[in-house]
Amino acid sequence: NEPGRSAVLYAVESSASVHGFFTFTHEAPPPGLLRD
């Protein structure tokens, strides 16, 4: 963590892959990024 930002590694179990997450504050929904 830093304020307003997090990065996560999440291992469901002892498997060959893990999930990565980024979550961060943003003043408004980023326009168009869902398609970019």
Full PDB file with SEQRES, HELIX, SHEET, SSBOND, CRYST1, ORIGX, SCALE, CONECT and MASTER records, all heavy atoms in Angstrom:
SEQRES   1 A   36  ASN GLU PRO GLY ARG SER ALA VAL LEU TYR ALA VAL GLU          
SEQRES   2 A   36  SER SER ALA SER VAL HIS GLY PHE PHE THR PHE THR HIS          
SEQRES   3 A   36  GLU ALA PRO PRO PRO GLY LEU LEU ARG ASP                      
HELIX    1 AA1 LEU A   33  ARG A   35  5                                   3    
SHEET    1 AA1 2 ARG A   5  TYR A  10  0                                        
SHEET    2 AA1 2 HIS A  19  PHE A  24 -1                                        
CRYST1    1.000    1.000    1.000  90.00  90.00  90.00 P 1           1          
ORIGX1      1.000000  0.000000  0.000000        0.00000                         
ORIGX2      0.000000  1.000000  0.000000        0.00000                         
ORIGX3      0.000000  0.000000  1.000000        0.00000                         
SCALE1      1.000000  0.000000  0.000000        0.00000                         
SCALE2      0.000000  1.000000  0.000000        0.00000                         
SCALE3      0.000000  0.000000  1.000000        0.00000                         
ATOM      1  N   ASN A   1       0.807  -1.220   0.000  1.00  0.00           N  
ATOM      2  CA  ASN A   1       0.000   0.000   0.000  1.00  0.00           C  
ATOM      3  C   ASN A   1       0.834   1.260   0.000  1.00  0.00           C  
ATOM      4  O   ASN A   1       1.901   1.329   0.616  1.00  0.00           O  
ATOM      5  CB  ASN A   1      -0.886   0.086   1.255  1.00  0.00           C  
ATOM      6  CG  ASN A   1      -2.096  -0.793   1.212  1.00  0.00           C  
ATOM      7  OD1 ASN A   1      -2.190  -1.734   1.996  1.00  0.00           O  
ATOM      8  ND2 ASN A   1      -3.015  -0.512   0.315  1.00  0.00           N  
ATOM      9  N   GLU A   2       0.337   2.254  -0.674  1.00  0.00           N  
ATOM     10  CA  GLU A   2       0.614   3.657  -0.450  1.00  0.00           C  
ATOM     11  C   GLU A   2      -0.765   4.314  -0.399  1.00  0.00           C  
ATOM     12  O   GLU A   2      -1.763   3.696  -0.808  1.00  0.00           O  
ATOM     13  CB  GLU A   2       1.472   4.240  -1.568  1.00  0.00           C  
ATOM     14  CG  GLU A   2       2.984   4.043  -1.376  1.00  0.00           C  
ATOM     15  CD  GLU A   2       3.545   4.988  -0.312  1.00  0.00           C  
ATOM     16  OE1 GLU A   2       3.462   4.628   0.897  1.00  0.00           O  
ATOM     17  OE2 GLU A   2       4.053   6.064  -0.659  1.00  0.00           O  
ATOM     18  N   PRO A   3      -0.877   5.525   0.129  1.00  0.00           N  
ATOM     19  CA  PRO A   3      -2.208   6.124   0.240  1.00  0.00           C  
ATOM     20  C   PRO A   3      -2.949   6.140  -1.106  1.00  0.00           C  
ATOM     21  O   PRO A   3      -2.422   6.616  -2.114  1.00  0.00           O  
ATOM     22  CB  PRO A   3      -1.913   7.554   0.720  1.00  0.00           C  
ATOM     23  CG  PRO A   3      -0.648   7.426   1.480  1.00  0.00           C  
ATOM     24  CD  PRO A   3       0.156   6.396   0.728  1.00  0.00           C  
ATOM     25  N   GLY A   4      -4.148   5.573  -1.094  1.00  0.00           N  
ATOM     26  CA  GLY A   4      -4.965   5.560  -2.297  1.00  0.00           C  
ATOM     27  C   GLY A   4      -4.534   4.567  -3.350  1.00  0.00           C  
ATOM     28  O   GLY A   4      -5.088   4.545  -4.451  1.00  0.00           O  
ATOM     29  N   ARG A   5      -3.546   3.715  -3.045  1.00  0.00           N  
ATOM     30  CA  ARG A   5      -3.083   2.730  -4.017  1.00  0.00           C  
ATOM     31  C   ARG A   5      -2.789   1.416  -3.308  1.00  0.00           C  
ATOM     32  O   ARG A   5      -2.236   1.409  -2.212  1.00  0.00           O  
ATOM     33  CB  ARG A   5      -1.803   3.193  -4.722  1.00  0.00           C  
ATOM     34  CG  ARG A   5      -1.955   4.421  -5.603  1.00  0.00           C  
ATOM     35  CD  ARG A   5      -0.647   4.749  -6.287  1.00  0.00           C  
ATOM     36  NE  ARG A   5       0.373   5.185  -5.337  1.00  0.00           N  
ATOM     37  CZ  ARG A   5       1.676   4.968  -5.479  1.00  0.00           C  
ATOM     38  NH1 ARG A   5       2.131   4.275  -6.516  1.00  0.00           N  
ATOM     39  NH2 ARG A   5       2.532   5.414  -4.584  1.00  0.00           N  
ATOM     40  N   SER A   6      -3.152   0.332  -3.940  1.00  0.00           N  
ATOM     41  CA  SER A   6      -2.766  -0.974  -3.416  1.00  0.00           C  
ATOM     42  C   SER A   6      -2.403  -1.885  -4.578  1.00  0.00           C  
ATOM     43  O   SER A   6      -2.898  -1.734  -5.702  1.00  0.00           O  
ATOM     44  CB  SER A   6      -3.894  -1.602  -2.587  1.00  0.00           C  
ATOM     45  OG  SER A   6      -5.013  -1.891  -3.396  1.00  0.00           O  
ATOM     46  N   ALA A   7      -1.512  -2.823  -4.290  1.00  0.00           N  
ATOM     47  CA  ALA A   7      -1.160  -3.896  -5.215  1.00  0.00           C  
ATOM     48  C   ALA A   7      -1.211  -5.184  -4.414  1.00  0.00           C  
ATOM     49  O   ALA A   7      -0.732  -5.236  -3.278  1.00  0.00           O  
ATOM     50  CB  ALA A   7       0.220  -3.681  -5.813  1.00  0.00           C  
ATOM     51  N   VAL A   8      -1.808  -6.209  -5.004  1.00  0.00           N  
ATOM     52  CA  VAL A   8      -2.072  -7.439  -4.260  1.00  0.00           C  
ATOM     53  C   VAL A   8      -1.627  -8.645  -5.067  1.00  0.00           C  
ATOM     54  O   VAL A   8      -1.861  -8.717  -6.284  1.00  0.00           O  
ATOM     55  CB  VAL A   8      -3.579  -7.571  -3.929  1.00  0.00           C  
ATOM     56  CG1 VAL A   8      -3.848  -8.841  -3.126  1.00  0.00           C  
ATOM     57  CG2 VAL A   8      -4.080  -6.341  -3.182  1.00  0.00           C  
ATOM     58  N   LEU A   9      -1.015  -9.581  -4.388  1.00  0.00           N  
ATOM     59  CA  LEU A   9      -0.810 -10.929  -4.907  1.00  0.00           C  
ATOM     60  C   LEU A   9      -1.699 -11.858  -4.092  1.00  0.00           C  
ATOM     61  O   LEU A   9      -1.630 -11.858  -2.859  1.00  0.00           O  
ATOM     62  CB  LEU A   9       0.647 -11.356  -4.772  1.00  0.00           C  
ATOM     63  CG  LEU A   9       1.616 -10.785  -5.800  1.00  0.00           C  
ATOM     64  CD1 LEU A   9       3.057 -11.056  -5.376  1.00  0.00           C  
ATOM     65  CD2 LEU A   9       1.351 -11.364  -7.191  1.00  0.00           C  
ATOM     66  N   TYR A  10      -2.525 -12.625  -4.783  1.00  0.00           N  
ATOM     67  CA  TYR A  10      -3.503 -13.464  -4.090  1.00  0.00           C  
ATOM     68  C   TYR A  10      -3.412 -14.883  -4.630  1.00  0.00           C  
ATOM     69  O   TYR A  10      -3.669 -15.124  -5.815  1.00  0.00           O  
ATOM     70  CB  TYR A  10      -4.904 -12.899  -4.290  1.00  0.00           C  
ATOM     71  CG  TYR A  10      -6.025 -13.765  -3.759  1.00  0.00           C  
ATOM     72  CD1 TYR A  10      -5.947 -14.345  -2.503  1.00  0.00           C  
ATOM     73  CD2 TYR A  10      -7.160 -13.994  -4.524  1.00  0.00           C  
ATOM     74  CE1 TYR A  10      -6.970 -15.125  -2.011  1.00  0.00           C  
ATOM     75  CE2 TYR A  10      -8.200 -14.779  -4.049  1.00  0.00           C  
ATOM     76  CZ  TYR A  10      -8.106 -15.342  -2.797  1.00  0.00           C  
ATOM     77  OH  TYR A  10      -9.113 -16.126  -2.316  1.00  0.00           O  
ATOM     78  N   ALA A  11      -3.011 -15.804  -3.786  1.00  0.00           N  
ATOM     79  CA  ALA A  11      -2.881 -17.216  -4.165  1.00  0.00           C  
ATOM     80  C   ALA A  11      -4.051 -17.978  -3.573  1.00  0.00           C  
ATOM     81  O   ALA A  11      -4.152 -18.111  -2.345  1.00  0.00           O  
ATOM     82  CB  ALA A  11      -1.568 -17.794  -3.661  1.00  0.00           C  
ATOM     83  N   VAL A  12      -4.946 -18.465  -4.425  1.00  0.00           N  
ATOM     84  CA  VAL A  12      -6.109 -19.212  -3.945  1.00  0.00           C  
ATOM     85  C   VAL A  12      -5.657 -20.460  -3.204  1.00  0.00           C  
ATOM     86  O   VAL A  12      -6.190 -20.812  -2.159  1.00  0.00           O  
ATOM     87  CB  VAL A  12      -7.031 -19.563  -5.121  1.00  0.00           C  
ATOM     88  CG1 VAL A  12      -8.137 -20.516  -4.685  1.00  0.00           C  
ATOM     89  CG2 VAL A  12      -7.633 -18.294  -5.714  1.00  0.00           C  
ATOM     90  N   GLU A  13      -4.675 -21.135  -3.748  1.00  0.00           N  
ATOM     91  CA  GLU A  13      -4.098 -22.308  -3.088  1.00  0.00           C  
ATOM     92  C   GLU A  13      -2.684 -22.457  -3.602  1.00  0.00           C  
ATOM     93  O   GLU A  13      -2.123 -21.516  -4.170  1.00  0.00           O  
ATOM     94  CB  GLU A  13      -4.944 -23.557  -3.370  1.00  0.00           C  
ATOM     95  CG  GLU A  13      -5.222 -23.804  -4.843  1.00  0.00           C  
ATOM     96  CD  GLU A  13      -6.245 -24.905  -5.062  1.00  0.00           C  
ATOM     97  OE1 GLU A  13      -6.801 -25.388  -4.065  1.00  0.00           O  
ATOM     98  OE2 GLU A  13      -6.482 -25.259  -6.216  1.00  0.00           O  
ATOM     99  N   SER A  14      -2.052 -23.590  -3.388  1.00  0.00           N  
ATOM    100  CA  SER A  14      -0.683 -23.775  -3.858  1.00  0.00           C  
ATOM    101  C   SER A  14      -0.714 -24.201  -5.318  1.00  0.00           C  
ATOM    102  O   SER A  14      -0.377 -25.335  -5.664  1.00  0.00           O  
ATOM    103  CB  SER A  14       0.037 -24.827  -3.001  1.00  0.00           C  
ATOM    104  OG  SER A  14      -0.730 -26.029  -2.956  1.00  0.00           O  
ATOM    105  N   SER A  15      -1.118 -23.280  -6.181  1.00  0.00           N  
ATOM    106  CA  SER A  15      -1.258 -23.585  -7.601  1.00  0.00           C  
ATOM    107  C   SER A  15      -0.173 -22.883  -8.404  1.00  0.00           C  
ATOM    108  O   SER A  15       0.628 -22.102  -7.869  1.00  0.00           O  
ATOM    109  CB  SER A  15      -2.640 -23.161  -8.102  1.00  0.00           C  
ATOM    110  OG  SER A  15      -2.813 -21.773  -7.927  1.00  0.00           O  
ATOM    111  N   ALA A  16      -0.180 -23.152  -9.709  1.00  0.00           N  
ATOM    112  CA  ALA A  16       0.873 -22.613 -10.565  1.00  0.00           C  
ATOM    113  C   ALA A  16       0.661 -21.153 -10.920  1.00  0.00           C  
ATOM    114  O   ALA A  16       1.559 -20.523 -11.482  1.00  0.00           O  
ATOM    115  CB  ALA A  16       0.954 -23.440 -11.854  1.00  0.00           C  
ATOM    116  N   SER A  17      -0.498 -20.590 -10.618  1.00  0.00           N  
ATOM    117  CA  SER A  17      -0.760 -19.198 -10.951  1.00  0.00           C  
ATOM    118  C   SER A  17      -1.343 -18.475  -9.745  1.00  0.00           C  
ATOM    119  O   SER A  17      -1.888 -19.096  -8.826  1.00  0.00           O  
ATOM    120  CB  SER A  17      -1.717 -19.089 -12.143  1.00  0.00           C  
ATOM    121  OG  SER A  17      -2.971 -19.651 -11.831  1.00  0.00           O  
ATOM    122  N   VAL A  18      -1.218 -17.174  -9.745  1.00  0.00           N  
ATOM    123  CA  VAL A  18      -1.792 -16.323  -8.720  1.00  0.00           C  
ATOM    124  C   VAL A  18      -2.541 -15.192  -9.411  1.00  0.00           C  
ATOM    125  O   VAL A  18      -2.351 -14.928 -10.604  1.00  0.00           O  
ATOM    126  CB  VAL A  18      -0.720 -15.742  -7.773  1.00  0.00           C  
ATOM    127  CG1 VAL A  18      -0.024 -16.853  -7.004  1.00  0.00           C  
ATOM    128  CG2 VAL A  18       0.298 -14.907  -8.553  1.00  0.00           C  
ATOM    129  N   HIS A  19      -3.377 -14.515  -8.646  1.00  0.00           N  
ATOM    130  CA  HIS A  19      -4.057 -13.334  -9.148  1.00  0.00           C  
ATOM    131  C   HIS A  19      -3.296 -12.093  -8.719  1.00  0.00           C  
ATOM    132  O   HIS A  19      -2.837 -11.995  -7.574  1.00  0.00           O  
ATOM    133  CB  HIS A  19      -5.486 -13.249  -8.605  1.00  0.00           C  
ATOM    134  CG  HIS A  19      -6.380 -14.342  -9.116  1.00  0.00           C  
ATOM    135  ND1 HIS A  19      -6.845 -14.377 -10.407  1.00  0.00           N  
ATOM    136  CD2 HIS A  19      -6.878 -15.437  -8.505  1.00  0.00           C  
ATOM    137  CE1 HIS A  19      -7.599 -15.455 -10.570  1.00  0.00           C  
ATOM    138  NE2 HIS A  19      -7.620 -16.114  -9.435  1.00  0.00           N  
ATOM    139  N   GLY A  20      -3.176 -11.165  -9.645  1.00  0.00           N  
ATOM    140  CA  GLY A  20      -2.649  -9.853  -9.325  1.00  0.00           C  
ATOM    141  C   GLY A  20      -3.773  -8.834  -9.364  1.00  0.00           C  
ATOM    142  O   GLY A  20      -4.684  -8.934 -10.199  1.00  0.00           O  
ATOM    143  N   PHE A  21      -3.733  -7.881  -8.455  1.00  0.00           N  
ATOM    144  CA  PHE A  21      -4.735  -6.816  -8.399  1.00  0.00           C  
ATOM    145  C   PHE A  21      -4.023  -5.475  -8.263  1.00  0.00           C  
ATOM    146  O   PHE A  21      -3.070  -5.342  -7.491  1.00  0.00           O  
ATOM    147  CB  PHE A  21      -5.651  -6.968  -7.175  1.00  0.00           C  
ATOM    148  CG  PHE A  21      -6.553  -8.163  -7.179  1.00  0.00           C  
ATOM    149  CD1 PHE A  21      -6.087  -9.395  -6.740  1.00  0.00           C  
ATOM    150  CD2 PHE A  21      -7.870  -8.056  -7.592  1.00  0.00           C  
ATOM    151  CE1 PHE A  21      -6.919 -10.497  -6.715  1.00  0.00           C  
ATOM    152  CE2 PHE A  21      -8.703  -9.155  -7.573  1.00  0.00           C  
ATOM    153  CZ  PHE A  21      -8.231 -10.383  -7.143  1.00  0.00           C  
ATOM    154  N   PHE A  22      -4.516  -4.493  -8.981  1.00  0.00           N  
ATOM    155  CA  PHE A  22      -4.194  -3.097  -8.712  1.00  0.00           C  
ATOM    156  C   PHE A  22      -5.497  -2.380  -8.416  1.00  0.00           C  
ATOM    157  O   PHE A  22      -6.479  -2.522  -9.156  1.00  0.00           O  
ATOM    158  CB  PHE A  22      -3.529  -2.430  -9.925  1.00  0.00           C  
ATOM    159  CG  PHE A  22      -2.102  -2.840 -10.162  1.00  0.00           C  
ATOM    160  CD1 PHE A  22      -1.761  -3.575 -11.286  1.00  0.00           C  
ATOM    161  CD2 PHE A  22      -1.106  -2.472  -9.279  1.00  0.00           C  
ATOM    162  CE1 PHE A  22      -0.441  -3.940 -11.526  1.00  0.00           C  
ATOM    163  CE2 PHE A  22       0.218  -2.844  -9.505  1.00  0.00           C  
ATOM    164  CZ  PHE A  22       0.546  -3.575 -10.624  1.00  0.00           C  
ATOM    165  N   THR A  23      -5.523  -1.604  -7.343  1.00  0.00           N  
ATOM    166  CA  THR A  23      -6.668  -0.761  -7.020  1.00  0.00           C  
ATOM    167  C   THR A  23      -6.147   0.604  -6.639  1.00  0.00           C  
ATOM    168  O   THR A  23      -5.245   0.718  -5.803  1.00  0.00           O  
ATOM    169  CB  THR A  23      -7.484  -1.348  -5.841  1.00  0.00           C  
ATOM    170  OG1 THR A  23      -7.844  -2.692  -6.124  1.00  0.00           O  
ATOM    171  CG2 THR A  23      -8.749  -0.533  -5.606  1.00  0.00           C  
ATOM    172  N   PHE A  24      -6.698   1.651  -7.268  1.00  0.00           N  
ATOM    173  CA  PHE A  24      -6.185   2.988  -6.985  1.00  0.00           C  
ATOM    174  C   PHE A  24      -7.285   4.032  -7.171  1.00  0.00           C  
ATOM    175  O   PHE A  24      -8.233   3.835  -7.912  1.00  0.00           O  
ATOM    176  CB  PHE A  24      -4.976   3.324  -7.866  1.00  0.00           C  
ATOM    177  CG  PHE A  24      -5.173   3.124  -9.339  1.00  0.00           C  
ATOM    178  CD1 PHE A  24      -5.608   4.166 -10.156  1.00  0.00           C  
ATOM    179  CD2 PHE A  24      -4.911   1.887  -9.932  1.00  0.00           C  
ATOM    180  CE1 PHE A  24      -5.777   3.980 -11.522  1.00  0.00           C  
ATOM    181  CE2 PHE A  24      -5.083   1.689 -11.296  1.00  0.00           C  
ATOM    182  CZ  PHE A  24      -5.517   2.739 -12.092  1.00  0.00           C  
ATOM    183  N   THR A  25      -7.117   5.120  -6.431  1.00  0.00           N  
ATOM    184  CA  THR A  25      -8.087   6.205  -6.552  1.00  0.00           C  
ATOM    185  C   THR A  25      -7.919   6.913  -7.890  1.00  0.00           C  
ATOM    186  O   THR A  25      -6.815   6.998  -8.443  1.00  0.00           O  
ATOM    187  CB  THR A  25      -7.917   7.217  -5.414  1.00  0.00           C  
ATOM    188  OG1 THR A  25      -6.569   7.706  -5.422  1.00  0.00           O  
ATOM    189  CG2 THR A  25      -8.214   6.577  -4.063  1.00  0.00           C  
ATOM    190  N   HIS A  26      -9.038   7.412  -8.387  1.00  0.00           N  
ATOM    191  CA  HIS A  26      -9.034   8.185  -9.628  1.00  0.00           C  
ATOM    192  C   HIS A  26     -10.195   9.150  -9.544  1.00  0.00           C  
ATOM    193  O   HIS A  26     -11.312   8.760  -9.186  1.00  0.00           O  
ATOM    194  CB  HIS A  26      -9.173   7.257 -10.843  1.00  0.00           C  
ATOM    195  CG  HIS A  26      -8.644   7.850 -12.114  1.00  0.00           C  
ATOM    196  ND1 HIS A  26      -9.405   8.637 -12.934  1.00  0.00           N  
ATOM    197  CD2 HIS A  26      -7.423   7.760 -12.701  1.00  0.00           C  
ATOM    198  CE1 HIS A  26      -8.682   9.016 -13.988  1.00  0.00           C  
ATOM    199  NE2 HIS A  26      -7.469   8.494 -13.863  1.00  0.00           N  
ATOM    200  N   GLU A  27      -9.942  10.419  -9.833  1.00  0.00           N  
ATOM    201  CA  GLU A  27     -10.941  11.461  -9.574  1.00  0.00           C  
ATOM    202  C   GLU A  27     -12.284  11.160 -10.219  1.00  0.00           C  
ATOM    203  O   GLU A  27     -13.337  11.403  -9.631  1.00  0.00           O  
ATOM    204  CB  GLU A  27     -10.411  12.815 -10.050  1.00  0.00           C  
ATOM    205  CG  GLU A  27     -11.351  13.966  -9.726  1.00  0.00           C  
ATOM    206  CD  GLU A  27     -10.752  15.319 -10.090  1.00  0.00           C  
ATOM    207  OE1 GLU A  27      -9.571  15.364 -10.487  1.00  0.00           O  
ATOM    208  OE2 GLU A  27     -11.479  16.320  -9.987  1.00  0.00           O  
ATOM    209  N   ALA A  28     -12.263  10.654 -11.427  1.00  0.00           N  
ATOM    210  CA  ALA A  28     -13.498  10.333 -12.144  1.00  0.00           C  
ATOM    211  C   ALA A  28     -13.268   9.043 -12.910  1.00  0.00           C  
ATOM    212  O   ALA A  28     -12.130   8.653 -13.170  1.00  0.00           O  
ATOM    213  CB  ALA A  28     -13.879  11.469 -13.092  1.00  0.00           C  
ATOM    214  N   PRO A  29     -14.330   8.346 -13.276  1.00  0.00           N  
ATOM    215  CA  PRO A  29     -14.145   7.133 -14.075  1.00  0.00           C  
ATOM    216  C   PRO A  29     -13.359   7.445 -15.343  1.00  0.00           C  
ATOM    217  O   PRO A  29     -13.719   8.372 -16.079  1.00  0.00           O  
ATOM    218  CB  PRO A  29     -15.586   6.704 -14.406  1.00  0.00           C  
ATOM    219  CG  PRO A  29     -16.423   7.295 -13.325  1.00  0.00           C  
ATOM    220  CD  PRO A  29     -15.758   8.599 -12.974  1.00  0.00           C  
ATOM    221  N   PRO A  30     -12.265   6.737 -15.600  1.00  0.00           N  
ATOM    222  CA  PRO A  30     -11.446   7.035 -16.792  1.00  0.00           C  
ATOM    223  C   PRO A  30     -12.246   6.821 -18.073  1.00  0.00           C  
ATOM    224  O   PRO A  30     -12.711   5.709 -18.339  1.00  0.00           O  
ATOM    225  CB  PRO A  30     -10.289   6.028 -16.691  1.00  0.00           C  
ATOM    226  CG  PRO A  30     -10.275   5.609 -15.258  1.00  0.00           C  
ATOM    227  CD  PRO A  30     -11.686   5.661 -14.797  1.00  0.00           C  
ATOM    228  N   PRO A  31     -12.476   7.855 -18.854  1.00  0.00           N  
ATOM    229  CA  PRO A  31     -13.315   7.706 -20.051  1.00  0.00           C  
ATOM    230  C   PRO A  31     -12.657   6.832 -21.104  1.00  0.00           C  
ATOM    231  O   PRO A  31     -11.474   6.982 -21.415  1.00  0.00           O  
ATOM    232  CB  PRO A  31     -13.477   9.147 -20.549  1.00  0.00           C  
ATOM    233  CG  PRO A  31     -12.269   9.864 -20.017  1.00  0.00           C  
ATOM    234  CD  PRO A  31     -11.951   9.222 -18.708  1.00  0.00           C  
ATOM    235  N   GLY A  32     -13.419   5.896 -21.626  1.00  0.00           N  
ATOM    236  CA  GLY A  32     -12.977   5.108 -22.763  1.00  0.00           C  
ATOM    237  C   GLY A  32     -12.014   3.991 -22.475  1.00  0.00           C  
ATOM    238  O   GLY A  32     -11.709   3.191 -23.364  1.00  0.00           O  
ATOM    239  N   LEU A  33     -11.501   3.870 -21.239  1.00  0.00           N  
ATOM    240  CA  LEU A  33     -10.447   2.880 -20.985  1.00  0.00           C  
ATOM    241  C   LEU A  33     -10.964   1.447 -21.034  1.00  0.00           C  
ATOM    242  O   LEU A  33     -10.184   0.525 -21.278  1.00  0.00           O  
ATOM    243  CB  LEU A  33      -9.772   3.136 -19.646  1.00  0.00           C  
ATOM    244  CG  LEU A  33      -8.746   4.275 -19.621  1.00  0.00           C  
ATOM    245  CD1 LEU A  33      -8.088   4.352 -18.266  1.00  0.00           C  
ATOM    246  CD2 LEU A  33      -7.688   4.085 -20.698  1.00  0.00           C  
ATOM    247  N   LEU A  34     -12.272   1.266 -20.798  1.00  0.00           N  
ATOM    248  CA  LEU A  34     -12.805  -0.099 -20.892  1.00  0.00           C  
ATOM    249  C   LEU A  34     -12.666  -0.647 -22.308  1.00  0.00           C  
ATOM    250  O   LEU A  34     -12.680  -1.852 -22.517  1.00  0.00           O  
ATOM    251  CB  LEU A  34     -14.275  -0.120 -20.465  1.00  0.00           C  
ATOM    252  CG  LEU A  34     -14.557   0.230 -18.998  1.00  0.00           C  
ATOM    253  CD1 LEU A  34     -16.051   0.175 -18.732  1.00  0.00           C  
ATOM    254  CD2 LEU A  34     -13.819  -0.713 -18.061  1.00  0.00           C  
ATOM    255  N   ARG A  35     -12.523   0.250 -23.269  1.00  0.00           N  
ATOM    256  CA  ARG A  35     -12.374  -0.176 -24.670  1.00  0.00           C  
ATOM    257  C   ARG A  35     -10.968   0.089 -25.193  1.00  0.00           C  
ATOM    258  O   ARG A  35     -10.740   0.023 -26.399  1.00  0.00           O  
ATOM    259  CB  ARG A  35     -13.403   0.559 -25.536  1.00  0.00           C  
ATOM    260  CG  ARG A  35     -14.841   0.261 -25.150  1.00  0.00           C  
ATOM    261  CD  ARG A  35     -15.827   1.038 -25.995  1.00  0.00           C  
ATOM    262  NE  ARG A  35     -15.677   2.471 -25.818  1.00  0.00           N  
ATOM    263  CZ  ARG A  35     -16.232   3.158 -24.809  1.00  0.00           C  
ATOM    264  NH1 ARG A  35     -16.954   2.529 -23.899  1.00  0.00           N  
ATOM    265  NH2 ARG A  35     -16.055   4.463 -24.708  1.00  0.00           N  
ATOM    266  N   ASP A  36     -10.031   0.410 -24.294  1.00  0.00           N  
ATOM    267  CA  ASP A  36      -8.677   0.773 -24.710  1.00  0.00           C  
ATOM    268  C   ASP A  36      -7.663   0.064 -23.820  1.00  0.00           C  
ATOM    269  O   ASP A  36      -7.116   0.655 -22.882  1.00  0.00           O  
ATOM    270  CB  ASP A  36      -8.514   2.297 -24.627  1.00  0.00           C  
ATOM    271  CG  ASP A  36      -7.123   2.765 -25.057  1.00  0.00           C  
ATOM    272  OD1 ASP A  36      -6.359   1.947 -25.611  1.00  0.00           O  
ATOM    273  OD2 ASP A  36      -6.802   3.948 -24.802  1.00  0.00           O  
TER     274      ASP A  36                                                      
MASTER        0    0    0    1    2    0    0    6  273    1    0    3          
END                                                                             
